[in-house]
């Protein structure tokens, strides 16, 4: 199923976890799919070391416009997703090369690690 929408749901054997560790504040691209690919956010977690870490998760388009989609603020390890108590993530979220996921770290003690699982749907 090369670059086609899967009418039966996600494309099998395409799920992956993207992970990044941040030691300073600032925004950076977290996940930018390849041309023609569409990925769906499944869930994930954040882990702060040495204090509290906060990440604003944004979608950014190719012109540089950003939209806040959810925020995580953790002391320790917390899941992100519909069962989380510390953010307002609403699924599904689709990510493409033209509308990709950015992590904007606004607080970090020693470090904050983010892990998000994606599955390809096209």
N, C-alpha and C. Protein backbone atom coordinates (compact mmCIF):
# COMPACT_ATOMS: atom_id res chain seq x y z
N UNK A 1 0.86 -1.16 0.00
CA UNK A 1 0.00 0.00 0.00
C UNK A 1 0.90 1.22 0.00
N UNK A 2 1.45 1.57 -1.12
CA UNK A 2 2.44 2.63 -1.24
C UNK A 2 1.78 4.00 -1.38
N UNK A 3 1.85 4.82 -0.29
CA UNK A 3 1.37 6.19 -0.29
C UNK A 3 -0.12 6.31 -0.57
N UNK A 4 -0.89 5.32 -0.18
CA UNK A 4 -2.33 5.30 -0.37
C UNK A 4 -3.00 5.30 0.98
N UNK A 5 -4.21 5.83 1.06
CA UNK A 5 -4.97 5.79 2.30
C UNK A 5 -5.43 4.36 2.54
N UNK A 6 -5.29 3.91 3.76
CA UNK A 6 -5.73 2.56 4.11
C UNK A 6 -7.19 2.61 4.52
N UNK A 7 -8.08 2.00 3.75
CA UNK A 7 -9.51 2.02 4.05
C UNK A 7 -9.84 1.16 5.27
N UNK A 8 -8.92 0.30 5.67
CA UNK A 8 -9.16 -0.55 6.84
C UNK A 8 -8.55 0.02 8.11
N UNK A 9 -8.04 1.23 8.05
CA UNK A 9 -7.44 1.84 9.23
C UNK A 9 -5.95 2.07 9.02
N UNK A 10 -5.20 2.12 10.12
CA UNK A 10 -3.76 2.35 10.02
C UNK A 10 -3.05 1.28 9.20
N UNK A 11 -1.92 1.65 8.62
CA UNK A 11 -1.12 0.72 7.83
C UNK A 11 -0.33 -0.16 8.78
N UNK A 12 -0.44 -1.47 8.61
CA UNK A 12 0.21 -2.40 9.53
C UNK A 12 1.72 -2.25 9.51
N UNK A 13 2.33 -2.54 10.65
CA UNK A 13 3.79 -2.53 10.83
C UNK A 13 4.43 -1.16 10.60
N UNK A 14 3.67 -0.08 10.82
CA UNK A 14 4.24 1.25 10.62
C UNK A 14 4.33 2.05 11.93
N UNK A 15 3.85 1.52 13.03
CA UNK A 15 3.87 2.28 14.27
C UNK A 15 5.30 2.46 14.75
N UNK A 16 5.60 3.68 15.23
CA UNK A 16 6.93 3.95 15.76
C UNK A 16 6.84 4.96 16.88
N UNK A 17 7.87 4.97 17.72
CA UNK A 17 7.95 5.91 18.83
C UNK A 17 9.08 6.88 18.54
N UNK A 18 8.77 8.17 18.61
CA UNK A 18 9.76 9.22 18.45
C UNK A 18 10.06 9.76 19.84
N UNK A 19 11.35 9.90 20.16
CA UNK A 19 11.75 10.34 21.49
C UNK A 19 12.81 11.42 21.38
N UNK A 20 12.69 12.43 22.26
CA UNK A 20 13.69 13.49 22.32
C UNK A 20 13.85 13.93 23.77
N UNK A 21 15.07 14.33 24.13
CA UNK A 21 15.36 14.84 25.46
C UNK A 21 15.81 16.29 25.33
N UNK A 22 15.24 17.14 26.18
CA UNK A 22 15.53 18.57 26.14
C UNK A 22 16.19 19.00 27.45
N UNK A 23 17.23 19.80 27.35
CA UNK A 23 17.93 20.32 28.52
C UNK A 23 17.87 21.84 28.60
N UNK A 24 17.17 22.46 27.65
CA UNK A 24 17.00 23.91 27.68
C UNK A 24 15.65 24.25 27.04
N UNK A 25 15.21 25.47 27.27
CA UNK A 25 13.93 25.90 26.70
C UNK A 25 14.10 26.27 25.23
N UNK A 26 12.97 26.34 24.52
CA UNK A 26 12.98 26.69 23.10
C UNK A 26 12.10 25.74 22.31
N UNK A 27 11.88 26.07 21.06
CA UNK A 27 11.03 25.26 20.18
C UNK A 27 11.89 24.52 19.17
N UNK A 28 11.48 23.28 18.87
CA UNK A 28 12.17 22.50 17.84
C UNK A 28 11.19 21.52 17.21
N UNK A 29 11.46 21.18 15.96
CA UNK A 29 10.64 20.20 15.26
C UNK A 29 10.78 18.86 15.98
N UNK A 30 9.65 18.23 16.29
CA UNK A 30 9.67 16.94 16.97
C UNK A 30 9.51 15.79 15.98
N UNK A 31 8.55 15.92 15.06
CA UNK A 31 8.33 14.87 14.06
C UNK A 31 7.80 15.49 12.78
N UNK A 32 8.58 15.31 11.70
CA UNK A 32 8.19 15.78 10.37
C UNK A 32 8.18 14.57 9.44
N UNK A 33 6.99 14.11 9.04
CA UNK A 33 6.90 12.94 8.15
C UNK A 33 7.48 13.22 6.76
N UNK A 34 7.65 12.16 6.01
CA UNK A 34 8.11 12.29 4.64
C UNK A 34 7.02 12.81 3.72
N UNK A 35 7.39 13.22 2.54
CA UNK A 35 6.45 13.75 1.55
C UNK A 35 5.35 12.73 1.27
N UNK A 36 4.09 13.18 1.34
CA UNK A 36 2.94 12.33 1.05
C UNK A 36 2.49 11.43 2.18
N UNK A 37 3.24 11.41 3.28
CA UNK A 37 2.87 10.57 4.41
C UNK A 37 1.94 11.29 5.36
N UNK A 38 1.02 10.53 5.97
CA UNK A 38 0.14 11.04 7.03
C UNK A 38 0.27 10.09 8.21
N UNK A 39 0.60 10.65 9.38
CA UNK A 39 0.79 9.87 10.59
C UNK A 39 -0.21 10.35 11.64
N UNK A 40 -0.68 9.42 12.46
CA UNK A 40 -1.62 9.74 13.53
C UNK A 40 -0.93 9.57 14.88
N UNK A 41 -1.15 10.54 15.79
CA UNK A 41 -0.64 10.42 17.15
C UNK A 41 -1.44 9.35 17.88
N UNK A 42 -0.75 8.43 18.55
CA UNK A 42 -1.40 7.37 19.31
C UNK A 42 -1.40 7.70 20.80
N UNK A 43 -0.30 8.21 21.31
CA UNK A 43 -0.14 8.55 22.73
C UNK A 43 1.33 8.64 23.05
N UNK A 44 1.64 8.77 24.32
CA UNK A 44 3.04 8.85 24.72
C UNK A 44 3.18 9.29 26.16
N UNK A 45 4.38 9.78 26.49
CA UNK A 45 4.59 10.26 27.85
C UNK A 45 5.69 11.31 27.87
N UNK A 46 5.77 12.01 29.00
CA UNK A 46 6.88 12.92 29.26
C UNK A 46 7.47 12.56 30.61
N UNK A 47 8.78 12.76 30.74
CA UNK A 47 9.50 12.44 31.95
C UNK A 47 10.43 13.59 32.28
N UNK A 48 10.22 14.22 33.44
CA UNK A 48 11.07 15.31 33.89
C UNK A 48 12.05 14.80 34.93
N UNK A 49 13.29 15.26 34.86
CA UNK A 49 14.31 14.93 35.85
C UNK A 49 14.77 16.21 36.53
N UNK A 50 14.89 16.16 37.84
CA UNK A 50 15.41 17.30 38.58
C UNK A 50 14.42 18.42 38.80
N UNK A 51 13.13 18.18 38.62
CA UNK A 51 12.12 19.23 38.82
C UNK A 51 11.00 19.10 37.82
N UNK A 52 10.38 20.22 37.48
CA UNK A 52 9.23 20.24 36.58
C UNK A 52 9.67 20.58 35.16
N UNK A 53 9.04 19.91 34.20
CA UNK A 53 9.25 20.21 32.80
C UNK A 53 7.92 20.50 32.13
N UNK A 54 7.89 21.48 31.24
CA UNK A 54 6.67 21.84 30.52
C UNK A 54 6.95 21.91 29.03
N UNK A 55 6.06 21.29 28.26
CA UNK A 55 6.16 21.33 26.80
C UNK A 55 4.81 21.72 26.23
N UNK A 56 4.81 22.72 25.36
CA UNK A 56 3.63 23.06 24.58
C UNK A 56 3.79 22.38 23.24
N UNK A 57 2.84 21.52 22.91
CA UNK A 57 2.89 20.77 21.65
C UNK A 57 2.09 21.55 20.61
N UNK A 58 2.73 21.82 19.48
CA UNK A 58 2.14 22.66 18.44
C UNK A 58 2.19 21.96 17.09
N UNK A 59 1.20 22.26 16.26
CA UNK A 59 1.29 21.92 14.85
C UNK A 59 1.81 23.16 14.14
N UNK A 60 2.74 22.97 13.22
CA UNK A 60 3.34 24.07 12.48
C UNK A 60 3.22 23.78 11.00
N UNK A 61 2.75 24.77 10.25
CA UNK A 61 2.64 24.55 8.81
C UNK A 61 3.87 25.06 8.09
N UNK A 62 3.93 24.82 6.79
CA UNK A 62 5.12 25.16 6.01
C UNK A 62 5.39 26.65 5.93
N UNK A 63 4.40 27.50 6.26
CA UNK A 63 4.63 28.95 6.27
C UNK A 63 5.12 29.44 7.62
N UNK A 64 5.18 28.54 8.63
CA UNK A 64 5.67 28.91 9.95
C UNK A 64 4.58 29.23 10.97
N UNK A 65 3.32 29.16 10.57
CA UNK A 65 2.21 29.41 11.48
C UNK A 65 2.06 28.22 12.42
N UNK A 66 1.89 28.50 13.73
CA UNK A 66 1.75 27.43 14.70
C UNK A 66 0.38 27.48 15.38
N UNK A 67 -0.08 26.31 15.83
CA UNK A 67 -1.32 26.19 16.59
C UNK A 67 -1.06 25.26 17.77
N UNK A 68 -1.34 25.72 18.96
CA UNK A 68 -1.17 24.91 20.16
C UNK A 68 -2.24 23.81 20.16
N UNK A 69 -1.81 22.55 20.34
CA UNK A 69 -2.79 21.46 20.36
C UNK A 69 -2.92 20.82 21.74
N UNK A 70 -1.87 20.82 22.54
CA UNK A 70 -1.96 20.38 23.93
C UNK A 70 -0.68 20.76 24.66
N UNK A 71 -0.71 20.66 25.97
CA UNK A 71 0.43 21.02 26.79
C UNK A 71 0.65 19.94 27.85
N UNK A 72 1.91 19.66 28.15
CA UNK A 72 2.23 18.77 29.24
C UNK A 72 3.11 19.51 30.23
N UNK A 73 2.86 19.32 31.50
CA UNK A 73 3.66 19.88 32.58
C UNK A 73 3.83 18.79 33.61
N UNK A 74 5.04 18.31 33.78
CA UNK A 74 5.24 17.12 34.61
C UNK A 74 6.35 17.32 35.63
N UNK A 75 6.20 16.62 36.71
CA UNK A 75 7.23 16.44 37.71
C UNK A 75 7.28 14.93 37.93
N UNK A 76 8.22 14.27 37.32
CA UNK A 76 8.24 12.82 37.28
C UNK A 76 7.83 12.36 35.90
N UNK A 77 7.10 11.25 35.80
CA UNK A 77 6.68 10.72 34.51
C UNK A 77 5.16 10.70 34.44
N UNK A 78 4.62 11.22 33.34
CA UNK A 78 3.17 11.29 33.14
C UNK A 78 2.84 10.88 31.71
N UNK A 79 1.73 10.15 31.51
CA UNK A 79 1.29 9.84 30.15
C UNK A 79 0.66 11.06 29.50
N UNK A 80 0.69 11.09 28.19
CA UNK A 80 -0.11 12.06 27.46
C UNK A 80 -1.22 11.27 26.78
N UNK A 81 -2.35 11.86 26.65
CA UNK A 81 -3.46 11.15 26.04
C UNK A 81 -4.76 11.50 26.73
N UNK A 82 -5.82 10.83 26.35
CA UNK A 82 -7.14 11.16 26.85
C UNK A 82 -7.32 10.89 28.33
N UNK A 83 -6.48 10.04 28.92
CA UNK A 83 -6.62 9.74 30.34
C UNK A 83 -5.73 10.61 31.22
N UNK A 84 -4.96 11.50 30.61
CA UNK A 84 -4.07 12.35 31.38
C UNK A 84 -4.84 13.40 32.15
N UNK A 85 -4.32 13.76 33.30
CA UNK A 85 -4.95 14.80 34.11
C UNK A 85 -4.28 16.15 33.92
N UNK A 86 -3.16 16.19 33.21
CA UNK A 86 -2.40 17.44 33.13
C UNK A 86 -2.37 18.07 31.74
N UNK A 87 -3.25 17.68 30.86
CA UNK A 87 -3.29 18.32 29.54
C UNK A 87 -4.66 18.09 28.91
N UNK A 88 -4.86 18.69 27.79
CA UNK A 88 -6.17 18.62 27.13
C UNK A 88 -6.07 18.01 25.74
N UNK A 89 -5.28 16.98 25.59
CA UNK A 89 -5.09 16.33 24.30
C UNK A 89 -6.39 15.70 23.82
N UNK A 90 -6.76 16.02 22.59
CA UNK A 90 -7.94 15.44 21.96
C UNK A 90 -7.46 14.72 20.70
N UNK A 91 -7.74 13.43 20.63
CA UNK A 91 -7.33 12.63 19.47
C UNK A 91 -8.50 12.49 18.51
N UNK A 92 -8.32 12.29 17.23
CA UNK A 92 -7.05 12.04 16.57
C UNK A 92 -6.34 13.35 16.19
N UNK A 93 -5.02 13.24 16.10
CA UNK A 93 -4.17 14.31 15.58
C UNK A 93 -3.37 13.71 14.44
N UNK A 94 -3.44 14.34 13.28
CA UNK A 94 -2.73 13.87 12.10
C UNK A 94 -1.56 14.80 11.82
N UNK A 95 -0.43 14.23 11.44
CA UNK A 95 0.79 14.98 11.20
C UNK A 95 1.28 14.67 9.80
N UNK A 96 1.63 15.73 9.05
CA UNK A 96 2.16 15.58 7.70
C UNK A 96 3.42 16.43 7.56
N UNK A 97 4.07 16.35 6.42
CA UNK A 97 5.25 17.19 6.17
C UNK A 97 4.86 18.66 6.14
N UNK A 98 3.64 18.95 5.73
CA UNK A 98 3.18 20.33 5.62
C UNK A 98 2.53 20.83 6.91
N UNK A 99 2.30 19.97 7.89
CA UNK A 99 1.63 20.31 9.15
C UNK A 99 2.20 19.38 10.22
N UNK A 100 3.39 19.73 10.73
CA UNK A 100 4.17 18.80 11.54
C UNK A 100 4.17 19.19 13.02
N UNK A 101 4.67 18.28 13.86
CA UNK A 101 4.63 18.45 15.30
C UNK A 101 5.90 19.13 15.82
N UNK A 102 5.69 20.16 16.65
CA UNK A 102 6.77 20.94 17.24
C UNK A 102 6.65 20.85 18.76
N UNK A 103 7.78 20.71 19.44
CA UNK A 103 7.84 20.75 20.90
C UNK A 103 8.41 22.10 21.30
N UNK A 104 7.63 22.88 22.04
CA UNK A 104 8.09 24.16 22.55
C UNK A 104 8.26 24.03 24.06
N UNK A 105 9.50 23.87 24.49
CA UNK A 105 9.80 23.63 25.90
C UNK A 105 9.85 24.97 26.62
N UNK A 106 8.97 25.14 27.62
CA UNK A 106 8.91 26.41 28.35
C UNK A 106 9.47 26.31 29.76
N UNK A 107 9.70 25.11 30.27
CA UNK A 107 10.33 24.92 31.58
C UNK A 107 11.06 23.59 31.58
N UNK A 108 12.28 23.62 32.11
CA UNK A 108 13.06 22.40 32.21
C UNK A 108 14.00 22.55 33.41
N UNK A 109 14.02 21.55 34.27
CA UNK A 109 14.94 21.57 35.40
C UNK A 109 16.27 21.01 34.91
N UNK A 110 16.51 19.72 35.13
CA UNK A 110 17.71 19.09 34.59
C UNK A 110 17.48 18.67 33.14
N UNK A 111 16.36 17.94 32.92
CA UNK A 111 16.01 17.53 31.56
C UNK A 111 14.54 17.12 31.54
N UNK A 112 13.98 17.15 30.35
CA UNK A 112 12.63 16.61 30.13
C UNK A 112 12.67 15.80 28.85
N UNK A 113 12.20 14.56 28.94
CA UNK A 113 12.19 13.64 27.80
C UNK A 113 10.75 13.44 27.34
N UNK A 114 10.55 13.49 26.05
CA UNK A 114 9.23 13.26 25.47
C UNK A 114 9.29 12.05 24.56
N UNK A 115 8.28 11.19 24.68
CA UNK A 115 8.14 10.02 23.81
C UNK A 115 6.72 10.00 23.29
N UNK A 116 6.55 9.99 21.97
CA UNK A 116 5.22 9.95 21.38
C UNK A 116 5.20 8.86 20.32
N UNK A 117 4.13 8.07 20.35
CA UNK A 117 3.93 6.99 19.40
C UNK A 117 3.05 7.49 18.25
N UNK A 118 3.45 7.12 17.04
CA UNK A 118 2.72 7.47 15.82
C UNK A 118 2.45 6.21 15.04
N UNK A 119 1.35 6.22 14.27
CA UNK A 119 1.11 5.14 13.31
C UNK A 119 0.72 5.78 11.97
N UNK A 120 1.26 5.23 10.90
CA UNK A 120 1.00 5.79 9.58
C UNK A 120 -0.39 5.38 9.08
N UNK A 121 -1.12 6.36 8.57
CA UNK A 121 -2.44 6.10 8.02
C UNK A 121 -2.50 6.35 6.52
N UNK A 122 -1.45 6.94 5.97
CA UNK A 122 -1.36 7.12 4.52
C UNK A 122 0.09 7.29 4.13
